[in-house]
Protein backbone atom coordinates (compact mmCIF):
# COMPACT_ATOMS: atom_id res chain seq x y z
CA UNK A 1 -2.28 -28.73 -13.47
CA UNK A 2 -2.76 -28.27 -9.98
CA UNK A 3 -1.48 -25.11 -8.54
CA UNK A 4 -0.39 -27.11 -5.35
CA UNK A 5 3.29 -28.30 -5.05
CA UNK A 6 3.34 -31.89 -5.04
CA UNK A 7 5.53 -32.43 -1.74
CA UNK A 8 5.31 -31.02 1.84
CA UNK A 9 7.82 -28.32 2.73
CA UNK A 10 9.32 -30.12 5.64
CA UNK A 11 12.23 -32.53 4.73
CA UNK A 12 12.60 -34.82 7.75
CA UNK A 13 16.25 -35.12 6.93
CA UNK A 14 16.96 -31.74 7.84
CA UNK A 15 14.76 -30.30 10.24
CA UNK A 16 14.91 -26.54 10.66
CA UNK A 17 15.33 -25.24 14.09
CA UNK A 18 13.87 -21.90 14.05
CA UNK A 19 13.63 -19.58 16.93
CA UNK A 20 10.56 -18.30 18.52
CA UNK A 21 9.86 -15.04 17.73
CA UNK A 22 8.49 -12.64 20.37
CA UNK A 23 7.39 -9.39 19.40
CA UNK A 24 7.87 -6.37 21.82
CA UNK A 25 4.26 -5.48 21.41
CA UNK A 26 1.43 -6.10 18.80
CA UNK A 27 -1.55 -4.56 16.87
CA UNK A 28 -4.13 -5.75 19.29
CA UNK A 29 -1.83 -4.52 22.36
CA UNK A 30 -1.60 -1.28 20.79
CA UNK A 31 -5.21 -1.15 20.18
CA UNK A 32 -6.13 -1.75 23.74
CA UNK A 33 -3.28 0.71 24.76
CA UNK A 34 -5.36 3.18 22.31
CA UNK A 35 -8.82 2.23 23.92
CA UNK A 36 -8.86 2.45 27.44
CA UNK A 37 -12.30 2.83 27.76
CA UNK A 38 -13.03 -0.47 25.84
CA UNK A 39 -9.97 -2.92 26.06
CA UNK A 40 -11.82 -6.24 26.11
CA UNK A 41 -14.01 -5.76 23.04
CA UNK A 42 -13.89 -8.54 20.85
CA UNK A 43 -12.20 -7.11 17.57
CA UNK A 44 -11.64 -8.67 14.17
CA UNK A 45 -8.87 -7.27 11.77
CA UNK A 46 -9.06 -7.07 8.22
CA UNK A 47 -5.78 -6.25 6.41
CA UNK A 48 -6.67 -7.24 2.65
CA UNK A 49 -6.22 -4.64 0.36
CA UNK A 50 -8.33 -4.52 -2.79
CA UNK A 51 -8.65 -3.00 -6.40
CA UNK A 52 -10.62 -0.42 -8.54
CA UNK A 53 -9.31 -2.21 -11.49
CA UNK A 54 -10.57 -5.73 -11.57
CA UNK A 55 -12.20 -8.31 -9.60
CA UNK A 56 -9.86 -10.30 -7.72
CA UNK A 57 -11.66 -13.45 -7.09
CA UNK A 58 -15.49 -14.18 -7.80
CA UNK A 59 -16.35 -13.20 -4.43
CA UNK A 60 -13.97 -10.08 -3.95
CA UNK A 61 -15.29 -7.63 -6.78
CA UNK A 62 -13.68 -4.56 -7.90
CA UNK A 63 -14.19 -1.56 -5.80
CA UNK A 64 -16.50 0.88 -7.54
CA UNK A 65 -18.03 3.42 -4.89
CA UNK A 66 -14.68 3.36 -2.80
CA UNK A 67 -12.32 3.91 -5.69
CA UNK A 68 -8.22 3.24 -5.40
CA UNK A 69 -5.70 4.04 -7.75
CA UNK A 70 -3.53 0.79 -7.55
CA UNK A 71 -0.83 -0.02 -10.13
CA UNK A 72 -2.90 -2.39 -11.69
CA UNK A 73 -5.69 0.47 -12.61
CA UNK A 74 -3.10 2.85 -13.54
CA UNK A 75 -0.76 0.69 -15.85
CA UNK A 76 -3.00 -1.99 -17.49
CA UNK A 77 -4.96 -1.19 -20.66
CA UNK A 78 -8.60 -0.48 -20.21
CA UNK A 79 -9.49 -3.61 -22.27
CA UNK A 80 -7.81 -5.38 -19.83
CA UNK A 81 -9.44 -4.08 -17.09
CA UNK A 82 -12.82 -4.69 -18.73
CA UNK A 83 -12.03 -8.47 -19.64
CA UNK A 84 -8.85 -9.30 -17.59
CA UNK A 85 -7.15 -12.59 -17.99
CA UNK A 86 -7.29 -15.17 -15.30
CA UNK A 87 -3.55 -15.01 -14.56
CA UNK A 88 -3.97 -11.37 -14.40
CA UNK A 89 -6.34 -11.49 -11.72
CA UNK A 90 -4.34 -14.23 -9.88
CA UNK A 91 -1.48 -12.26 -9.42
CA UNK A 92 -3.37 -9.31 -8.04
CA UNK A 93 -5.23 -11.60 -5.70
CA UNK A 94 -1.64 -13.38 -4.32
CA UNK A 95 -0.38 -9.99 -3.45
CA UNK A 96 -3.60 -7.85 -2.17
CA UNK A 97 -5.43 -11.07 -0.36
CA UNK A 98 -2.39 -13.17 0.65
CA UNK A 99 0.79 -11.24 1.13
CA UNK A 100 -0.46 -8.25 2.57
CA UNK A 101 -2.79 -10.15 5.13
CA UNK A 102 -0.32 -12.66 6.04
CA UNK A 103 2.24 -9.59 6.84
CA UNK A 104 -0.37 -7.72 8.98
CA UNK A 105 -1.27 -11.24 10.58
CA UNK A 106 2.17 -11.62 11.75
CA UNK A 107 2.04 -8.45 13.94
CA UNK A 108 -1.69 -8.82 14.64
CA UNK A 109 -1.18 -10.53 18.16
CA UNK A 110 -3.75 -12.29 19.97
CA UNK A 111 -6.57 -11.38 17.83
CA UNK A 112 -9.11 -12.52 15.19
CA UNK A 113 -7.54 -11.85 11.61
CA UNK A 114 -9.70 -11.94 8.72
CA UNK A 115 -7.96 -13.39 5.34
CA UNK A 116 -9.93 -13.82 2.17
CA UNK A 117 -9.53 -17.01 0.02
CA UNK A 118 -7.73 -16.75 -3.34
CA UNK A 119 -8.69 -20.20 -3.90
CA UNK A 120 -11.65 -21.56 -5.52
CA UNK A 121 -11.94 -25.40 -5.04
CA UNK A 122 -11.50 -26.95 -1.62
CA UNK A 123 -7.93 -28.04 -2.37
CA UNK A 124 -6.88 -24.42 -2.95
CA UNK A 125 -8.51 -23.05 -0.20
CA UNK A 126 -7.00 -25.50 2.21
CA UNK A 127 -3.78 -24.48 0.43
CA UNK A 128 -4.77 -20.70 1.60
CA UNK A 129 -4.89 -21.64 5.40
CA UNK A 130 -1.67 -23.92 5.41
CA UNK A 131 0.47 -21.43 3.95
CA UNK A 132 -1.10 -18.84 6.40
CA UNK A 133 -0.10 -21.39 9.46
CA UNK A 134 3.36 -22.32 8.24
CA UNK A 135 4.11 -18.51 8.25
CA UNK A 136 2.55 -17.80 11.86
CA UNK A 137 3.96 -21.08 13.10
CA UNK A 138 7.14 -19.35 14.44
CA UNK A 139 5.23 -16.70 16.53
CA UNK A 140 5.32 -17.10 20.51
CA UNK A 141 2.05 -18.84 20.98
CA UNK A 142 0.85 -16.14 23.16
CA UNK A 143 1.09 -13.49 20.19
CA UNK A 144 -0.41 -15.75 17.52
CA UNK A 145 -3.71 -14.53 15.82
CA UNK A 146 -6.75 -16.76 15.09
CA UNK A 147 -7.26 -16.80 11.46
CA UNK A 148 -10.37 -16.46 10.05
CA UNK A 149 -10.92 -17.71 6.63
CA UNK A 150 -13.70 -16.38 4.15
CA UNK A 151 -14.40 -16.14 0.57
CA UNK A 152 -15.05 -12.36 0.57
CA UNK A 153 -16.33 -9.34 2.24
CA UNK A 154 -19.88 -10.49 1.49
CA UNK A 155 -19.38 -13.42 4.09
CA UNK A 156 -18.50 -11.05 6.84
CA UNK A 157 -21.98 -10.51 8.40
CA UNK A 158 -22.20 -14.35 8.77
CA UNK A 159 -18.63 -14.53 10.51
CA UNK A 160 -19.48 -11.45 12.87
CA UNK A 161 -22.39 -13.76 14.14
CA UNK A 162 -20.56 -16.97 14.29
CA UNK A 163 -17.28 -15.52 15.98
CA UNK A 164 -19.31 -13.11 18.23
CA UNK A 165 -17.23 -9.94 16.70
CA UNK A 166 -17.86 -6.93 18.31
CA UNK A 167 -16.16 -4.64 15.82
CA UNK A 168 -14.29 -4.65 12.50
CA UNK A 169 -11.39 -2.88 11.78
CA UNK A 170 -10.14 -2.53 8.26
CA UNK A 171 -6.88 -1.39 6.37
CA UNK A 172 -8.77 -0.45 2.98
CA UNK A 173 -12.25 0.37 2.45
CA UNK A 174 -14.15 -2.38 0.27
CA UNK A 175 -17.62 -1.65 -0.95
CA UNK A 176 -19.29 -4.71 0.40
CA UNK A 177 -18.40 -3.51 4.08
CA UNK A 178 -21.48 -1.05 3.62
CA UNK A 179 -23.13 -4.37 4.74
CA UNK A 180 -24.25 -4.71 8.38
CA UNK A 181 -20.51 -4.87 9.99
CA UNK A 182 -20.28 -3.27 13.40
CA UNK A 183 -17.45 -0.50 12.52
CA UNK A 184 -16.03 1.99 15.00
CA UNK A 185 -15.93 4.50 12.12
CA UNK A 186 -17.83 5.20 8.95
CA UNK A 187 -16.37 3.72 5.46
CA UNK A 188 -16.55 7.04 3.99
CA UNK A 189 -14.69 8.69 6.80
CA UNK A 190 -11.75 6.01 6.39
CA UNK A 191 -11.55 7.09 2.78
CA UNK A 192 -11.63 10.46 3.32
CA UNK A 193 -8.94 10.20 5.90
CA UNK A 194 -6.52 8.60 3.42
CA UNK A 195 -7.61 11.04 0.59
CA UNK A 196 -4.77 13.18 -0.71
CA UNK A 197 -7.30 16.35 -1.04
CA UNK A 198 -8.22 15.88 2.65
CA UNK A 199 -4.45 16.32 3.46
CA UNK A 200 -3.87 19.13 1.41
CA UNK A 201 -7.11 21.15 3.23
CA UNK A 202 -6.16 19.78 6.74
CA UNK A 203 -4.24 22.85 7.92
CA UNK A 204 -1.18 20.53 8.78
CA UNK A 205 2.04 21.70 7.07
CA UNK A 206 1.92 20.14 3.73
CA UNK A 207 3.45 21.53 0.69
CA UNK A 208 1.19 23.81 -1.49
CA UNK A 209 -1.09 22.09 -3.39
CA UNK A 210 -4.09 22.89 -6.15
CA UNK A 211 -7.05 20.74 -5.99
CA UNK A 212 -8.92 20.02 -8.95
CA UNK A 213 -12.44 18.32 -8.36
CA UNK A 214 -14.59 17.11 -11.29
CA UNK A 215 -17.67 19.53 -12.09
CA UNK A 216 -20.84 18.21 -10.57
CA UNK A 217 -22.98 15.77 -12.87
CA UNK A 218 -21.12 12.77 -12.23
CA UNK A 219 -21.50 12.34 -15.73
CA UNK A 220 -25.19 12.63 -15.58
CA UNK A 221 -26.59 9.35 -16.79
CA UNK A 222 -25.74 5.80 -16.14
CA UNK A 223 -23.56 3.59 -18.70
CA UNK A 224 -26.76 1.72 -20.02
CA UNK A 225 -28.84 5.38 -20.56
CA UNK A 226 -25.84 6.96 -22.23
CA UNK A 227 -25.18 5.69 -25.96
CA UNK A 228 -25.07 2.49 -27.87
CA UNK A 229 -21.14 2.01 -27.07
CA UNK A 230 -21.65 2.98 -23.56
CA UNK A 231 -24.20 0.18 -23.32
CA UNK A 232 -22.61 -2.34 -25.04
CA UNK A 233 -19.62 -1.91 -22.22
CA UNK A 234 -22.41 -1.74 -19.57
CA UNK A 235 -23.50 -5.23 -20.59
CA UNK A 236 -19.70 -6.89 -20.07
CA UNK A 237 -18.55 -5.17 -16.79
CA UNK A 238 -19.47 -3.24 -13.92
CA UNK A 239 -16.37 -1.28 -14.28
CA UNK A 240 -17.90 2.57 -14.47
CA UNK A 241 -16.15 3.11 -17.74
CA UNK A 242 -16.54 6.03 -20.25
CA UNK A 243 -15.18 4.12 -23.51
CA UNK A 244 -13.85 6.04 -26.41
CA UNK A 245 -16.66 6.60 -29.09
CA UNK A 246 -19.24 7.33 -26.46
CA UNK A 247 -21.54 9.99 -28.12
CA UNK A 248 -23.47 10.66 -25.12
CA UNK A 249 -23.65 13.28 -22.43
CA UNK A 250 -21.19 10.93 -20.45
CA UNK A 251 -18.47 11.17 -23.22
CA UNK A 252 -19.35 15.29 -23.35
CA UNK A 253 -18.93 15.31 -19.54
CA UNK A 254 -15.64 13.93 -20.04
CA UNK A 255 -14.11 15.71 -22.60
CA UNK A 256 -15.30 19.08 -20.52
CA UNK A 257 -13.49 17.47 -17.36
CA UNK A 258 -10.31 16.35 -19.20
CA UNK A 259 -9.81 19.79 -21.15
CA UNK A 260 -10.02 21.46 -17.18
CA UNK A 261 -7.52 19.45 -15.94
CA UNK A 262 -5.19 19.44 -19.08
CA UNK A 263 -5.37 23.12 -19.26
CA UNK A 264 -4.20 23.29 -15.35
CA UNK A 265 -1.17 20.84 -16.10
CA UNK A 266 -0.08 22.89 -19.05
CA UNK A 267 -0.45 26.00 -17.13
CA UNK A 268 1.82 24.81 -13.87
CA UNK A 269 5.30 25.90 -13.88
CA UNK A 270 7.94 23.00 -13.47
CA UNK A 271 8.98 21.39 -11.03
CA UNK A 272 5.47 20.14 -9.66
CA UNK A 273 4.00 16.70 -8.23
CA UNK A 274 0.84 15.41 -9.77
CA UNK A 275 -1.15 13.02 -7.62
CA UNK A 276 -4.52 11.30 -7.85
CA UNK A 277 -6.80 11.29 -4.99
CA UNK A 278 -6.50 7.67 -3.69
CA UNK A 279 -3.23 6.33 -4.08
CA UNK A 280 -2.90 2.35 -3.60
CA UNK A 281 1.05 1.21 -3.06
CA UNK A 282 2.52 4.16 -4.38
CA UNK A 283 0.63 4.41 -7.57
CA UNK A 284 -0.82 7.53 -8.88
CA UNK A 285 1.96 9.70 -8.38
CA UNK A 286 4.22 11.52 -10.93
CA UNK A 287 7.13 13.63 -9.94
CA UNK A 288 7.41 16.56 -12.91
CA UNK A 289 10.96 18.06 -12.39
CA UNK A 290 11.44 19.47 -15.99
CA UNK A 291 9.57 19.96 -19.19
CA UNK A 292 10.44 16.58 -20.73
CA UNK A 293 8.93 14.92 -17.64
CA UNK A 294 5.86 17.24 -17.99
CA UNK A 295 5.50 16.08 -21.78
CA UNK A 296 5.81 12.59 -20.55
CA UNK A 297 2.73 13.31 -17.73
CA UNK A 298 0.54 15.04 -20.47
CA UNK A 299 1.15 11.74 -22.55
CA UNK A 300 -0.13 9.56 -19.95
CA UNK A 301 -2.94 11.78 -19.06
CA UNK A 302 -4.68 12.03 -22.50
CA UNK A 303 -5.72 9.52 -24.98
CA UNK A 304 -3.12 9.43 -28.24
CA UNK A 305 -4.89 7.93 -31.09
CA UNK A 306 -2.60 4.83 -32.36
CA UNK A 307 -0.55 5.09 -29.23
CA UNK A 308 -2.73 4.62 -26.30
CA UNK A 309 -6.45 4.95 -27.43
CA UNK A 310 -8.90 4.73 -24.72
CA UNK A 311 -6.21 4.60 -21.94
CA UNK A 312 -5.08 8.03 -20.99
CA UNK A 313 -5.35 8.01 -17.22
CA UNK A 314 -7.87 10.72 -17.17
CA UNK A 315 -10.36 8.55 -18.87
CA UNK A 316 -9.94 6.08 -16.45
CA UNK A 317 -9.86 8.12 -13.20
CA UNK A 318 -12.83 10.61 -14.44
CA UNK A 319 -15.06 7.17 -15.16
CA UNK A 320 -14.63 6.70 -11.30
CA UNK A 321 -17.24 9.16 -10.62
CA UNK A 322 -20.53 7.88 -10.03
CA UNK A 323 -24.03 8.85 -8.76
CA UNK A 324 -22.84 6.95 -5.40
CA UNK A 325 -19.48 8.79 -4.96
CA UNK A 326 -19.86 12.19 -6.90
CA UNK A 327 -19.63 13.80 -3.36
CA UNK A 328 -16.37 12.36 -2.46
CA UNK A 329 -14.89 13.42 -5.88
CA UNK A 330 -12.76 10.29 -6.56
CA UNK A 331 -11.47 11.63 -9.67
CA UNK A 332 -9.90 14.59 -8.25
CA UNK A 333 -6.28 15.44 -9.05
CA UNK A 334 -3.68 17.40 -7.25
CA UNK A 335 -0.97 19.54 -8.55
CA UNK A 336 1.41 20.19 -5.67
CA UNK A 337 4.70 21.86 -4.86
CA UNK A 338 8.00 19.94 -5.44
CA UNK A 339 10.36 20.19 -2.48
CA UNK A 340 13.42 20.26 -4.45
CA UNK A 341 16.10 20.00 -1.50
CA UNK A 342 15.05 18.36 1.48
CA UNK A 343 17.53 17.84 4.41
CA UNK A 344 16.04 14.26 4.83
CA UNK A 345 12.89 12.56 4.10
CA UNK A 346 11.46 10.28 6.66
CA UNK A 347 8.42 7.87 7.76
CA UNK A 348 6.60 8.24 10.65
CA UNK A 349 4.64 5.07 12.08
CA UNK A 350 2.26 5.68 15.37
CA UNK A 351 -1.00 4.91 16.69
CA UNK A 352 -3.76 7.38 17.49
CA UNK A 353 -5.38 7.00 20.96
CA UNK A 354 -8.89 7.71 21.70
CA UNK A 355 -8.16 10.79 23.30
CA UNK A 356 -6.45 12.20 19.91
CA UNK A 357 -2.80 11.16 21.28
CA UNK A 358 0.03 9.92 19.45
CA UNK A 359 1.64 6.69 20.44
CA UNK A 360 5.15 6.69 18.66
CA UNK A 361 6.10 3.45 17.04
CA UNK A 362 9.17 4.44 14.43
CA UNK A 363 10.44 6.96 12.31
CA UNK A 364 11.96 6.56 8.86
CA UNK A 365 14.62 7.94 6.55
CA UNK A 366 13.37 7.93 3.26
CA UNK A 367 15.25 7.70 0.07
CA UNK A 368 13.50 8.77 -3.64
CA UNK A 369 14.10 6.36 -6.55
CA UNK A 370 12.98 7.83 -9.76
CA UNK A 371 12.10 6.43 -13.19
CA UNK A 372 14.60 6.96 -16.32
CA UNK A 373 13.00 8.00 -19.12
CA UNK A 374 11.33 5.69 -21.68
CA UNK A 375 10.53 3.29 -18.72
CA UNK A 376 6.96 1.57 -19.02
CA UNK A 377 4.83 1.72 -16.35
CA UNK A 378 5.66 -1.37 -15.11
CA UNK A 379 9.57 -1.25 -15.26
CA UNK A 380 11.72 -0.29 -12.40
CA UNK A 381 14.78 1.10 -11.67
CA UNK A 382 16.83 -1.59 -9.31
CA UNK A 383 18.49 0.38 -6.34
CA UNK A 384 18.68 -2.48 -4.08
CA UNK A 385 22.58 -2.41 -3.45
CA UNK A 386 22.84 1.13 -2.25
CA UNK A 387 19.35 1.10 -0.51
CA UNK A 388 18.44 4.09 -2.55
CA UNK A 389 14.84 4.44 -2.37
CA UNK A 390 11.71 5.00 -0.69
CA UNK A 391 8.47 3.95 1.00
CA UNK A 392 4.93 4.26 -0.26
CA UNK A 393 1.51 3.04 0.66
CA UNK A 394 1.61 0.46 2.12
CA UNK A 395 4.55 1.42 4.16
CA UNK A 396 3.63 4.96 3.74
CA UNK A 397 3.09 6.87 0.54
CA UNK A 398 5.17 8.39 -2.24
CA UNK A 399 6.93 11.60 -1.65
CA UNK A 400 7.15 15.12 -2.99
CA UNK A 401 10.85 15.35 -3.11
CA UNK A 402 13.07 15.37 -6.19
CA UNK A 403 16.19 14.13 -4.12
CA UNK A 404 18.67 12.62 -5.90
CA UNK A 405 19.38 8.72 -4.98
CA UNK A 406 23.07 8.82 -5.17
CA UNK A 407 23.33 11.83 -2.50
CA UNK A 408 21.41 9.60 -0.10
CA UNK A 409 22.71 7.64 2.73
CA UNK A 410 21.81 5.27 5.66
CA UNK A 411 22.18 8.01 8.49
CA UNK A 412 19.27 8.44 10.52
CA UNK A 413 16.65 6.24 11.79
CA UNK A 414 14.73 3.98 9.26
CA UNK A 415 15.26 3.99 5.45
CA UNK A 416 12.36 2.58 3.00
CA UNK A 417 12.93 1.11 -0.30
CA UNK A 418 10.78 1.91 -3.49
CA UNK A 419 11.23 0.91 -7.06
CA UNK A 420 10.32 3.71 -9.48
CA UNK A 421 7.98 3.82 -12.46
CA UNK A 422 6.90 6.49 -14.77
CA UNK A 423 3.99 7.03 -12.30
CA UNK A 424 6.54 7.75 -9.57
CA UNK A 425 6.93 5.12 -7.07
CA UNK A 426 6.01 1.89 -5.67
CA UNK A 427 6.40 0.34 -2.26
CA UNK A 428 9.04 -2.65 -2.04
CA UNK A 429 10.19 -2.46 1.86
CA UNK A 430 11.95 -0.30 4.68
CA UNK A 431 14.92 -0.59 6.82
CA UNK A 432 15.60 0.85 10.54
CA UNK A 433 18.26 1.87 12.74
CA UNK A 434 17.26 1.16 16.13
CA UNK A 435 19.82 3.16 18.04
CA UNK A 436 18.71 6.26 16.73
CA UNK A 437 14.88 5.88 17.32
CA UNK A 438 14.82 7.77 20.59
CA UNK A 439 16.70 10.90 19.14
CA UNK A 440 13.80 11.00 16.24
CA UNK A 441 11.09 10.59 18.73
CA UNK A 442 11.92 13.32 20.66
CA UNK A 443 12.37 15.48 17.21
CA UNK A 444 9.27 14.29 15.62
CA UNK A 445 6.68 13.86 18.56
CA UNK A 446 5.28 17.14 18.25
CA UNK A 447 4.04 16.75 14.52
CA UNK A 448 2.79 13.53 15.21
CA UNK A 449 0.48 14.93 17.80
CA UNK A 450 -0.43 17.60 15.51
CA UNK A 451 -1.30 15.09 13.09
CA UNK A 452 -3.09 12.49 15.52
CA UNK A 453 -5.29 15.80 16.70
CA UNK A 454 -6.32 16.38 13.17
CA UNK A 455 -7.26 12.86 12.38
CA UNK A 456 -9.21 12.52 15.79
CA UNK A 457 -11.39 15.69 15.25
CA UNK A 458 -11.57 14.76 11.19
CA UNK A 459 -13.00 11.21 12.12
CA UNK A 460 -15.50 13.14 14.76
CA UNK A 461 -13.37 11.41 17.33
CA UNK A 462 -14.09 7.95 15.97
CA UNK A 463 -10.66 6.75 14.42
CA UNK A 464 -8.15 5.08 16.75
CA UNK A 465 -5.31 3.11 15.40
CA UNK A 466 -2.55 2.97 13.29
CA UNK A 467 -0.89 5.84 10.95
CA UNK A 468 2.11 6.20 8.50
CA UNK A 469 3.27 9.68 7.59
CA UNK A 470 5.66 10.69 5.00
CA UNK A 471 7.69 13.75 6.12
CA UNK A 472 10.19 15.86 4.43
CA UNK A 473 12.44 17.94 6.71
CA UNK A 474 13.21 21.50 5.47
CA UNK A 475 16.34 23.96 6.51
CA UNK A 476 14.41 26.86 7.49
CA UNK A 477 17.03 29.19 6.06
CA UNK A 478 16.70 27.68 2.75
CA UNK A 479 13.07 27.65 2.43
CA UNK A 480 11.19 30.62 1.09
CA UNK A 481 8.45 30.15 3.90
CA UNK A 482 10.99 29.25 6.70
CA UNK A 483 9.52 25.63 6.96
CA UNK A 484 10.98 22.87 9.14
CA UNK A 485 9.02 20.37 7.77
CA UNK A 486 6.03 19.20 5.40
CA UNK A 487 3.88 16.10 5.13
CA UNK A 488 3.83 14.71 2.04
CA UNK A 489 1.60 11.98 2.55
CA UNK A 490 -0.64 10.35 5.13
CA UNK A 491 -1.97 6.50 5.41
CA UNK A 492 -4.46 6.17 8.19
CA UNK A 493 -4.04 2.34 8.09
CA UNK A 494 -1.21 -0.15 9.22
CA UNK A 495 1.87 0.26 7.04
CA UNK A 496 4.13 -2.11 5.85
CA UNK A 497 7.16 -1.59 7.91
CA UNK A 498 5.31 -1.65 11.40
CA UNK A 499 6.93 -4.83 11.87
CA UNK A 500 10.07 -3.28 12.49
CA UNK A 501 9.91 -1.48 15.78
CA UNK A 502 7.85 -4.47 17.14
CA UNK A 503 11.02 -6.55 16.27
CA UNK A 504 13.53 -4.30 17.93
CA UNK A 505 14.19 -6.43 20.97
CA UNK A 506 14.47 -9.76 18.75
CA UNK A 507 17.25 -7.95 16.59
CA UNK A 508 19.20 -6.14 19.25
CA UNK A 509 19.58 -8.97 21.81
CA UNK A 510 21.22 -10.62 18.96
CA UNK A 511 23.40 -7.64 18.32
CA UNK A 512 21.75 -6.44 15.59
CA UNK A 513 21.02 -2.80 15.48
CA UNK A 514 19.64 -2.59 11.83
CA UNK A 515 16.86 -4.35 10.09
CA UNK A 516 15.13 -4.35 6.77
CA UNK A 517 11.59 -5.53 5.71
CA UNK A 518 10.76 -5.93 2.03
CA UNK A 519 8.68 -7.96 -0.56
CA UNK A 520 10.04 -10.06 -3.36
CA UNK A 521 8.90 -12.59 -6.02
CA UNK A 522 10.96 -16.01 -6.18
CA UNK A 523 10.75 -18.00 -8.98
CA UNK A 524 11.90 -21.54 -9.61
CA UNK A 525 12.18 -22.48 -5.58
CA UNK A 526 10.05 -23.87 -3.18
CA UNK A 527 9.74 -22.30 0.27
CA UNK A 528 12.05 -25.35 1.66
CA UNK A 529 14.71 -24.73 -1.11
CA UNK A 530 14.79 -20.78 0.09
CA UNK A 531 14.96 -22.02 3.78
CA UNK A 532 18.07 -24.50 2.95
CA UNK A 533 19.78 -21.75 0.93
CA UNK A 534 19.25 -19.24 3.86
CA UNK A 535 19.41 -22.24 6.89
CA UNK A 536 21.99 -20.13 8.88
CA UNK A 537 20.08 -16.83 8.89
CA UNK A 538 16.63 -18.46 9.76
CA UNK A 539 18.14 -20.48 12.52
CA UNK A 540 19.86 -17.48 14.09
CA UNK A 541 17.01 -15.32 13.97
CA UNK A 542 18.70 -13.10 11.28
CA UNK A 543 15.92 -13.69 8.86
CA UNK A 544 12.04 -13.81 9.78
CA UNK A 545 9.63 -14.75 7.25
CA UNK A 546 6.46 -12.32 7.59
CA UNK A 547 4.55 -13.97 4.77
CA UNK A 548 4.86 -16.40 2.01
CA UNK A 549 2.71 -17.77 -0.73
CA UNK A 550 3.87 -20.26 -3.13
CA UNK A 551 2.17 -22.05 -6.02
CA UNK A 552 2.90 -23.82 -9.45
CA UNK A 553 1.96 -21.54 -12.26
CA UNK A 554 0.43 -22.66 -15.79
CA UNK A 555 3.51 -22.79 -17.44
CA UNK A 556 4.72 -25.42 -14.33
CA UNK A 557 7.22 -22.97 -12.86
CA UNK A 558 7.05 -22.55 -9.04
CA UNK A 559 6.50 -19.01 -7.76
CA UNK A 560 6.57 -17.54 -4.49
CA UNK A 561 5.56 -14.26 -3.33
CA UNK A 562 7.31 -13.31 0.09
CA UNK A 563 7.62 -10.63 2.70
CA UNK A 564 10.86 -10.99 4.85
CA UNK A 565 13.03 -9.22 7.51
CA UNK A 566 16.58 -9.33 8.01
CA UNK A 567 18.85 -7.93 10.71
CA UNK A 568 22.42 -7.22 10.57
CA UNK A 569 25.08 -5.46 12.96
CA UNK A 570 25.50 -2.18 11.30
CA UNK A 571 24.40 -0.75 7.76
CA UNK A 572 27.26 -1.89 5.84
CA UNK A 573 26.22 -5.32 6.97
CA UNK A 574 22.60 -4.59 6.05
CA UNK A 575 23.20 -3.86 2.75
CA UNK A 576 25.41 -6.62 1.79
CA UNK A 577 22.71 -9.03 3.13
CA UNK A 578 20.15 -7.12 1.37
CA UNK A 579 22.03 -7.46 -2.01
CA UNK A 580 22.68 -11.48 -1.30
CA UNK A 581 19.24 -12.43 -0.41
CA UNK A 582 17.38 -9.88 -3.04
CA UNK A 583 19.83 -11.37 -5.99
CA UNK A 584 17.87 -13.39 -8.17
CA UNK A 585 14.63 -12.42 -7.26
CA UNK A 586 12.30 -9.57 -8.32
CA UNK A 587 10.51 -6.71 -6.58
CA UNK A 588 6.91 -6.85 -5.52
CA UNK A 589 4.89 -3.50 -6.52
CA UNK A 590 1.50 -2.86 -5.59
């Protein structure tokens, strides 16, 4: 059965009259502003995500050296990672290679935008292109990017020559980017800037944290030289996994490192936050407010015979450490102070210039949604009607706050929505109140400037571009250390909420002071059907599609992954519209 839908998206009997979308500025405009010494450099942007768990396509292999702990890596059984189903791979590919890439392409401006095909045959590849073109067609022509499609990062050197590209900017590091590709900063620098240990050691105001890195030894031998069990696994996959039953030095090293980390967790008093080194999409974060949560965390970390044999997080995480990346400590974990009573939870979005200055884009008030006991790693606690949730990576990342959902309201600048899992939170979307941005800019510019200077110095003056930071505001009278704020996460890349400040004029001119952006999975509806249902909102400019990819599943059902922005006059109206639009859809977790 073909994945491609049978009929075209446009119903000629009911033509839609969509408004032309003009952004206040674009990523390429901001990059020129940040780099006045080289404003005309021909740059290509790569906004696709990646996974360390599975190959997304035959041409987009899993990352091995530059590891990321996305939701699939955290949650999937190790046997599913070693031999993933085609459906599992396809689902991840649609999220990382299409949904994220189209969303960033929408705000890229007049620039080259690289997107990797998820289609394997020519018909499916044409569909990849057509879906992107349909989404971007509403943009003002002067702000519409030139899409550059290729099968994977291995094709980039050829595209660089073909398109005369002078520099490639990337959201996430792919292993294959180590090839001869012009970059402004090194891959290791980019990975380091986004690591949780680097933030903890930065000297910036952060929660107190203990960083536990694996001991040297990486674990000493290659899989094929370890033991019979490891040799058998090595013949099946390039995933550097230390399997149950390993009787060689790798298994011995794993047991030693696991014991060190488990001992530290057992000794840690609650409340605290447990984080892995590189989180993507909010995975890899556990909020541990009490002893019961600590017990569940320990159950997630260790193998439990008869329950999760081989699926303990530490086995998967520590297996990521190899000869090539040992110096980067990809298997490190952090035990962090939990901020139990913040005044507010913000997400800051800004740009770092070539001189280390910060250019303000938006400030976000974030709200935390926590998982309920007994949830599986993939289950969520819906919080759409009250917007009681928060942002993580790809917008920004997971917070170290234990603030209750019910006590939060939309009361400051931008709120970001998240679904929660047993391992923390995962990004779904964000909201903004435009009239409050000036006040928040004045409040947070000193902190953003300080972060920008650290990024500038830590990258040896090589990183320029977008940044997202999660910040908890504190009452100095209540905080034992007298702190006014702490940075709980830092993402040196484009964020999912970047579109909202760039759409300010579009919405405000239409009388809408609030806007929200979020991802969703739509089942049983084509794009044309969805457009008919929300025709008035689309034609009035109240709803904008940033990303859309639809296909027919093997069972015959239509499925679409969508990124949408909606506007409303006030917060109450925004809550109501979000409730209606998201009703009957599913949230998308990365």
